[in-house]
Amino acid sequence: MSNYFDIPALHYSQKGLFQYYSNNTNAWAVYGDDSINSLYTQYADITNPIISTILNQFVDKHIIENVKFFKTKAKGTVKPHCDKRNVAINIPIQTSDKNYTVFYENIGDYENPNIIIDGKASQVTAKRFTNVKELEKLIITGATCLNTNVPHGVINNSEEDRIILSISFVDKFDDFDTIKDLYNNGNLTRTQ
């Protein structure tokens, strides 16, 4: 079973998203141990016209919990982990064929990493894995739904930061199979 599927009918402006990302002043949260090998997240305002244009393409935008920018620094990695959420739709803003999402099989233990917001650390329910086996690599070139309940990480071998927009879902919709079923049945986005 694949841990992702493409959503080619979800339209967006990479240029517009990059411009909004560049001007966004919301605080960054940092998951990781050092400045290069960490995942940086920042909330996006769902009322921003660039974001609302994307969200208005969903049949029911009330199933969306939040929208965030995710950044992996140039030459950085995000260690194998599972999110506290179970599914995400990721939209590329600044990506290349030199950065990958990697899915893994856990063959060892895990730890609960810290998140740092405004210099303060606190523990989260996400899991970071210390012993894994690589299953598949994915280069995100368009809107893609990911099973974030499976161990995954990011390898960025490029000279630029990897930037994506990530959409999370509420309650019963925070489930990869549910989102996949909605998509396959024509009930996720207005055009498919």
C-alpha atoms as a PDB file:
ATOM      1  CA  MET A   1       0.000   0.000   0.000  1.00  0.00           C
ATOM      2  CA  SER A   2       1.364   3.412  -0.926  1.00  0.00           C
ATOM      3  CA  ASN A   3       1.617   6.053   1.786  1.00  0.00           C
ATOM      4  CA  TYR A   4       0.701   8.929  -0.515  1.00  0.00           C
ATOM      5  CA  PHE A   5      -1.396   9.953  -3.510  1.00  0.00           C
ATOM      6  CA  ASP A   6      -1.329  12.963  -5.817  1.00  0.00           C
ATOM      7  CA  ILE A   7      -4.122  15.526  -6.037  1.00  0.00           C
ATOM      8  CA  PRO A   8      -3.494  17.099  -9.459  1.00  0.00           C
ATOM      9  CA  ALA A   9      -6.761  19.055  -9.538  1.00  0.00           C
ATOM     10  CA  LEU A  10      -5.814  21.193  -6.511  1.00  0.00           C
ATOM     11  CA  HIS A  11      -4.697  24.499  -8.048  1.00  0.00           C
ATOM     12  CA  TYR A  12      -2.363  27.015  -6.436  1.00  0.00           C
ATOM     13  CA  SER A  13       0.139  29.724  -7.281  1.00  0.00           C
ATOM     14  CA  GLN A  14       3.675  28.767  -6.243  1.00  0.00           C
ATOM     15  CA  LYS A  15       4.801  32.348  -6.807  1.00  0.00           C
ATOM     16  CA  GLY A  16       1.925  33.721  -4.700  1.00  0.00           C
ATOM     17  CA  LEU A  17       2.567  31.197  -1.943  1.00  0.00           C
ATOM     18  CA  PHE A  18       6.281  32.031  -1.886  1.00  0.00           C
ATOM     19  CA  GLN A  19       5.512  35.748  -1.681  1.00  0.00           C
ATOM     20  CA  TYR A  20       3.077  35.184   1.208  1.00  0.00           C
ATOM     21  CA  TYR A  21       5.590  32.863   2.938  1.00  0.00           C
ATOM     22  CA  SER A  22       8.315  35.523   2.574  1.00  0.00           C
ATOM     23  CA  ASN A  23       6.113  38.154   4.248  1.00  0.00           C
ATOM     24  CA  ASN A  24       4.541  35.948   6.945  1.00  0.00           C
ATOM     25  CA  THR A  25       5.445  37.223  10.425  1.00  0.00           C
ATOM     26  CA  ASN A  26       3.949  34.406  12.522  1.00  0.00           C
ATOM     27  CA  ALA A  27       6.333  32.709  14.982  1.00  0.00           C
ATOM     28  CA  TRP A  28       8.305  29.663  13.862  1.00  0.00           C
ATOM     29  CA  ALA A  29       8.115  26.434  15.842  1.00  0.00           C
ATOM     30  CA  VAL A  30      11.200  24.224  15.609  1.00  0.00           C
ATOM     31  CA  TYR A  31      11.189  20.421  15.851  1.00  0.00           C
ATOM     32  CA  GLY A  32      14.733  19.106  16.114  1.00  0.00           C
ATOM     33  CA  ASP A  33      18.096  19.250  17.791  1.00  0.00           C
ATOM     34  CA  ASP A  34      20.085  21.708  15.701  1.00  0.00           C
ATOM     35  CA  SER A  35      19.467  24.553  13.272  1.00  0.00           C
ATOM     36  CA  ILE A  36      20.146  22.555  10.080  1.00  0.00           C
ATOM     37  CA  ASN A  37      18.509  19.217  10.912  1.00  0.00           C
ATOM     38  CA  SER A  38      15.183  20.474  12.213  1.00  0.00           C
ATOM     39  CA  LEU A  39      11.681  20.964  10.860  1.00  0.00           C
ATOM     40  CA  TYR A  40      10.427  24.541  11.013  1.00  0.00           C
ATOM     41  CA  THR A  41       6.674  25.201  11.034  1.00  0.00           C
ATOM     42  CA  GLN A  42       4.747  28.460  10.836  1.00  0.00           C
ATOM     43  CA  TYR A  43       0.980  29.015  10.778  1.00  0.00           C
ATOM     44  CA  ALA A  44      -0.546  30.495   7.641  1.00  0.00           C
ATOM     45  CA  ASP A  45      -3.588  32.771   7.871  1.00  0.00           C
ATOM     46  CA  ILE A  46      -6.539  30.949   6.287  1.00  0.00           C
ATOM     47  CA  THR A  47      -8.143  34.295   5.409  1.00  0.00           C
ATOM     48  CA  ASN A  48      -5.173  35.304   3.243  1.00  0.00           C
ATOM     49  CA  PRO A  49      -6.426  35.364  -0.384  1.00  0.00           C
ATOM     50  CA  ILE A  50      -3.662  32.997  -1.591  1.00  0.00           C
ATOM     51  CA  ILE A  51      -4.588  30.437   1.106  1.00  0.00           C
ATOM     52  CA  SER A  52      -8.363  30.875   0.884  1.00  0.00           C
ATOM     53  CA  THR A  53      -8.200  30.281  -2.895  1.00  0.00           C
ATOM     54  CA  ILE A  54      -6.758  26.834  -2.138  1.00  0.00           C
ATOM     55  CA  LEU A  55      -9.184  26.061   0.693  1.00  0.00           C
ATOM     56  CA  ASN A  56     -12.216  27.114  -1.360  1.00  0.00           C
ATOM     57  CA  GLN A  57     -11.463  24.225  -3.733  1.00  0.00           C
ATOM     58  CA  PHE A  58     -12.428  21.720  -1.015  1.00  0.00           C
ATOM     59  CA  VAL A  59     -16.006  20.443  -1.065  1.00  0.00           C
ATOM     60  CA  ASP A  60     -16.178  21.112   2.691  1.00  0.00           C
ATOM     61  CA  LYS A  61     -13.428  23.395   3.978  1.00  0.00           C
ATOM     62  CA  HIS A  62     -14.680  22.872   7.551  1.00  0.00           C
ATOM     63  CA  ILE A  63     -12.790  19.560   7.591  1.00  0.00           C
ATOM     64  CA  ILE A  64      -9.529  21.560   7.595  1.00  0.00           C
ATOM     65  CA  GLU A  65      -7.949  22.144  10.989  1.00  0.00           C
ATOM     66  CA  ASN A  66      -5.027  24.383  10.053  1.00  0.00           C
ATOM     67  CA  VAL A  67      -2.579  25.366   7.355  1.00  0.00           C
ATOM     68  CA  LYS A  68       1.166  25.783   7.965  1.00  0.00           C
ATOM     69  CA  PHE A  69       4.381  26.449   6.143  1.00  0.00           C
ATOM     70  CA  PHE A  70       7.013  23.720   6.645  1.00  0.00           C
ATOM     71  CA  LYS A  71      10.678  24.447   6.026  1.00  0.00           C
ATOM     72  CA  THR A  72      13.680  22.115   5.874  1.00  0.00           C
ATOM     73  CA  LYS A  73      16.930  24.037   5.628  1.00  0.00           C
ATOM     74  CA  ALA A  74      19.325  23.664   2.698  1.00  0.00           C
ATOM     75  CA  LYS A  75      21.465  20.507   3.122  1.00  0.00           C
ATOM     76  CA  GLY A  76      19.316  19.577   6.112  1.00  0.00           C
ATOM     77  CA  THR A  77      17.327  16.530   7.120  1.00  0.00           C
ATOM     78  CA  VAL A  78      14.270  15.844   9.215  1.00  0.00           C
ATOM     79  CA  LYS A  79      14.751  12.603  11.123  1.00  0.00           C
ATOM     80  CA  PRO A  80      12.255   9.733  10.796  1.00  0.00           C
ATOM     81  CA  HIS A  81       9.147  10.618  12.765  1.00  0.00           C
ATOM     82  CA  CYS A  82       5.357  10.335  12.984  1.00  0.00           C
ATOM     83  CA  ASP A  83       3.331  13.511  13.378  1.00  0.00           C
ATOM     84  CA  LYS A  84       0.671  14.018  16.018  1.00  0.00           C
ATOM     85  CA  ARG A  85      -1.660  14.280  13.011  1.00  0.00           C
ATOM     86  CA  ASN A  86      -2.369  11.257  10.799  1.00  0.00           C
ATOM     87  CA  VAL A  87      -2.682  12.825   7.344  1.00  0.00           C
ATOM     88  CA  ALA A  88      -1.582  15.946   5.488  1.00  0.00           C
ATOM     89  CA  ILE A  89      -1.867  17.486   2.062  1.00  0.00           C
ATOM     90  CA  ASN A  90       1.458  19.067   1.130  1.00  0.00           C
ATOM     91  CA  ILE A  91       1.837  21.657  -1.607  1.00  0.00           C
ATOM     92  CA  PRO A  92       5.320  22.470  -2.941  1.00  0.00           C
ATOM     93  CA  ILE A  93       6.429  26.096  -2.771  1.00  0.00           C
ATOM     94  CA  GLN A  94      10.192  25.784  -3.133  1.00  0.00           C
ATOM     95  CA  THR A  95      11.292  22.228  -3.873  1.00  0.00           C
ATOM     96  CA  SER A  96      13.606  20.430  -6.272  1.00  0.00           C
ATOM     97  CA  ASP A  97      14.567  16.975  -7.454  1.00  0.00           C
ATOM     98  CA  LYS A  98      17.275  17.073  -4.762  1.00  0.00           C
ATOM     99  CA  ASN A  99      14.882  16.854  -1.823  1.00  0.00           C
ATOM    100  CA  TYR A 100      12.737  13.920  -0.827  1.00  0.00           C
ATOM    101  CA  THR A 101      10.080  12.789   1.558  1.00  0.00           C
ATOM    102  CA  VAL A 102      11.151   9.340   2.728  1.00  0.00           C
ATOM    103  CA  PHE A 103       8.849   6.711   4.253  1.00  0.00           C
ATOM    104  CA  TYR A 104      10.327   4.199   6.686  1.00  0.00           C
ATOM    105  CA  GLU A 105       9.548   1.034   8.593  1.00  0.00           C
ATOM    106  CA  ASN A 106      10.257   1.327  12.306  1.00  0.00           C
ATOM    107  CA  ILE A 107      12.531  -1.477  13.527  1.00  0.00           C
ATOM    108  CA  GLY A 108      13.496   0.001  16.877  1.00  0.00           C
ATOM    109  CA  ASP A 109      12.522   2.397  19.602  1.00  0.00           C
ATOM    110  CA  TYR A 110      11.179   5.923  19.468  1.00  0.00           C
ATOM    111  CA  GLU A 111      11.316   9.067  21.553  1.00  0.00           C
ATOM    112  CA  ASN A 112       9.038  12.067  21.967  1.00  0.00           C
ATOM    113  CA  PRO A 113      11.007  15.070  20.685  1.00  0.00           C
ATOM    114  CA  ASN A 114      10.833  18.639  21.936  1.00  0.00           C
ATOM    115  CA  ILE A 115       9.344  21.567  20.075  1.00  0.00           C
ATOM    116  CA  ILE A 116      10.822  25.029  20.535  1.00  0.00           C
ATOM    117  CA  ILE A 117       8.609  28.094  20.195  1.00  0.00           C
ATOM    118  CA  ASP A 118      10.028  31.530  20.986  1.00  0.00           C
ATOM    119  CA  GLY A 119      13.032  29.881  22.625  1.00  0.00           C
ATOM    120  CA  LYS A 120      10.965  27.715  25.004  1.00  0.00           C
ATOM    121  CA  ALA A 121      11.102  23.915  24.742  1.00  0.00           C
ATOM    122  CA  SER A 122       8.204  21.577  25.454  1.00  0.00           C
ATOM    123  CA  GLN A 123       7.614  17.902  24.723  1.00  0.00           C
ATOM    124  CA  VAL A 124       5.150  16.814  22.037  1.00  0.00           C
ATOM    125  CA  THR A 125       3.219  13.634  21.240  1.00  0.00           C
ATOM    126  CA  ALA A 126       4.925  13.220  17.885  1.00  0.00           C
ATOM    127  CA  LYS A 127       7.372  10.295  17.729  1.00  0.00           C
ATOM    128  CA  ARG A 128      10.940  10.305  16.412  1.00  0.00           C
ATOM    129  CA  PHE A 129      12.441   6.935  15.455  1.00  0.00           C
ATOM    130  CA  THR A 130      16.030   5.881  16.015  1.00  0.00           C
ATOM    131  CA  ASN A 131      16.213   2.640  14.014  1.00  0.00           C
ATOM    132  CA  VAL A 132      14.391   2.454  10.675  1.00  0.00           C
ATOM    133  CA  LYS A 133      14.465   0.804   7.262  1.00  0.00           C
ATOM    134  CA  GLU A 134      13.763   2.929   4.170  1.00  0.00           C
ATOM    135  CA  LEU A 135      10.615   1.922   2.262  1.00  0.00           C
ATOM    136  CA  GLU A 136      10.144   4.558  -0.448  1.00  0.00           C
ATOM    137  CA  LYS A 137      11.249   8.040  -1.527  1.00  0.00           C
ATOM    138  CA  LEU A 138       8.961  10.695  -2.921  1.00  0.00           C
ATOM    139  CA  ILE A 139       9.756  13.955  -4.701  1.00  0.00           C
ATOM    140  CA  ILE A 140       6.772  16.254  -4.192  1.00  0.00           C
ATOM    141  CA  THR A 141       6.050  18.056  -7.453  1.00  0.00           C
ATOM    142  CA  GLY A 142       2.375  18.893  -6.893  1.00  0.00           C
ATOM    143  CA  ALA A 143      -0.326  18.696  -4.235  1.00  0.00           C
ATOM    144  CA  THR A 144       0.184  15.356  -2.482  1.00  0.00           C
ATOM    145  CA  CYS A 145      -1.664  13.641   0.362  1.00  0.00           C
ATOM    146  CA  LEU A 146       0.666  11.882   2.836  1.00  0.00           C
ATOM    147  CA  ASN A 147       0.047   9.272   5.508  1.00  0.00           C
ATOM    148  CA  THR A 148       1.859  11.057   8.343  1.00  0.00           C
ATOM    149  CA  ASN A 149       1.015   8.250  10.767  1.00  0.00           C
ATOM    150  CA  VAL A 150       3.761   6.202   9.056  1.00  0.00           C
ATOM    151  CA  PRO A 151       7.383   6.998   9.960  1.00  0.00           C
ATOM    152  CA  HIS A 152       8.686   9.548   7.467  1.00  0.00           C
ATOM    153  CA  GLY A 153      11.309  12.246   7.149  1.00  0.00           C
ATOM    154  CA  VAL A 154      12.874  14.695   4.724  1.00  0.00           C
ATOM    155  CA  ILE A 155      16.267  14.767   3.022  1.00  0.00           C
ATOM    156  CA  ASN A 156      17.156  18.105   1.439  1.00  0.00           C
ATOM    157  CA  ASN A 157      20.305  17.805  -0.671  1.00  0.00           C
ATOM    158  CA  SER A 158      19.698  21.121  -2.426  1.00  0.00           C
ATOM    159  CA  GLU A 159      21.340  24.512  -1.874  1.00  0.00           C
ATOM    160  CA  GLU A 160      17.968  26.114  -1.018  1.00  0.00           C
ATOM    161  CA  ASP A 161      15.522  25.643   1.808  1.00  0.00           C
ATOM    162  CA  ARG A 162      12.686  23.242   0.993  1.00  0.00           C
ATOM    163  CA  ILE A 163       9.363  24.971   1.614  1.00  0.00           C
ATOM    164  CA  ILE A 164       5.906  23.428   1.469  1.00  0.00           C
ATOM    165  CA  LEU A 165       2.408  24.396   2.545  1.00  0.00           C
ATOM    166  CA  SER A 166       0.791  21.694   4.666  1.00  0.00           C
ATOM    167  CA  ILE A 167      -2.934  21.242   5.315  1.00  0.00           C
ATOM    168  CA  SER A 168      -4.174  19.330   8.396  1.00  0.00           C
ATOM    169  CA  PHE A 169      -7.653  17.960   9.088  1.00  0.00           C
ATOM    170  CA  VAL A 170     -10.063  17.804  12.044  1.00  0.00           C
ATOM    171  CA  ASP A 171     -11.461  14.914  14.041  1.00  0.00           C
ATOM    172  CA  LYS A 172     -12.553  11.900  11.962  1.00  0.00           C
ATOM    173  CA  PHE A 173     -11.066  13.491   8.829  1.00  0.00           C
ATOM    174  CA  ASP A 174      -7.581  13.255  10.366  1.00  0.00           C
ATOM    175  CA  ASP A 175      -7.215   9.837   8.757  1.00  0.00           C
ATOM    176  CA  PHE A 176      -5.349   8.925   5.562  1.00  0.00           C
ATOM    177  CA  ASP A 177      -7.908   6.333   4.409  1.00  0.00           C
ATOM    178  CA  THR A 178     -10.810   8.743   5.011  1.00  0.00           C
ATOM    179  CA  ILE A 179      -9.196  11.509   2.942  1.00  0.00           C
ATOM    180  CA  LYS A 180      -8.270   8.984   0.240  1.00  0.00           C
ATOM    181  CA  ASP A 181     -11.861   7.685   0.114  1.00  0.00           C
ATOM    182  CA  LEU A 182     -13.222  11.249  -0.129  1.00  0.00           C
ATOM    183  CA  TYR A 183     -10.818  11.922  -2.997  1.00  0.00           C
ATOM    184  CA  ASN A 184     -11.531   8.645  -4.835  1.00  0.00           C
ATOM    185  CA  ASN A 185     -15.279   9.260  -4.566  1.00  0.00           C
ATOM    186  CA  GLY A 186     -15.064  12.857  -5.833  1.00  0.00           C
ATOM    187  CA  ASN A 187     -15.939  14.359  -2.434  1.00  0.00           C
ATOM    188  CA  LEU A 188     -12.653  16.023  -1.423  1.00  0.00           C
ATOM    189  CA  THR A 189     -12.116  18.793  -3.960  1.00  0.00           C
ATOM    190  CA  ARG A 190     -14.611  20.487  -6.290  1.00  0.00           C
ATOM    191  CA  THR A 191     -12.734  19.398  -9.425  1.00  0.00           C
ATOM    192  CA  GLN A 192     -10.916  16.101  -9.819  1.00  0.00           C
END
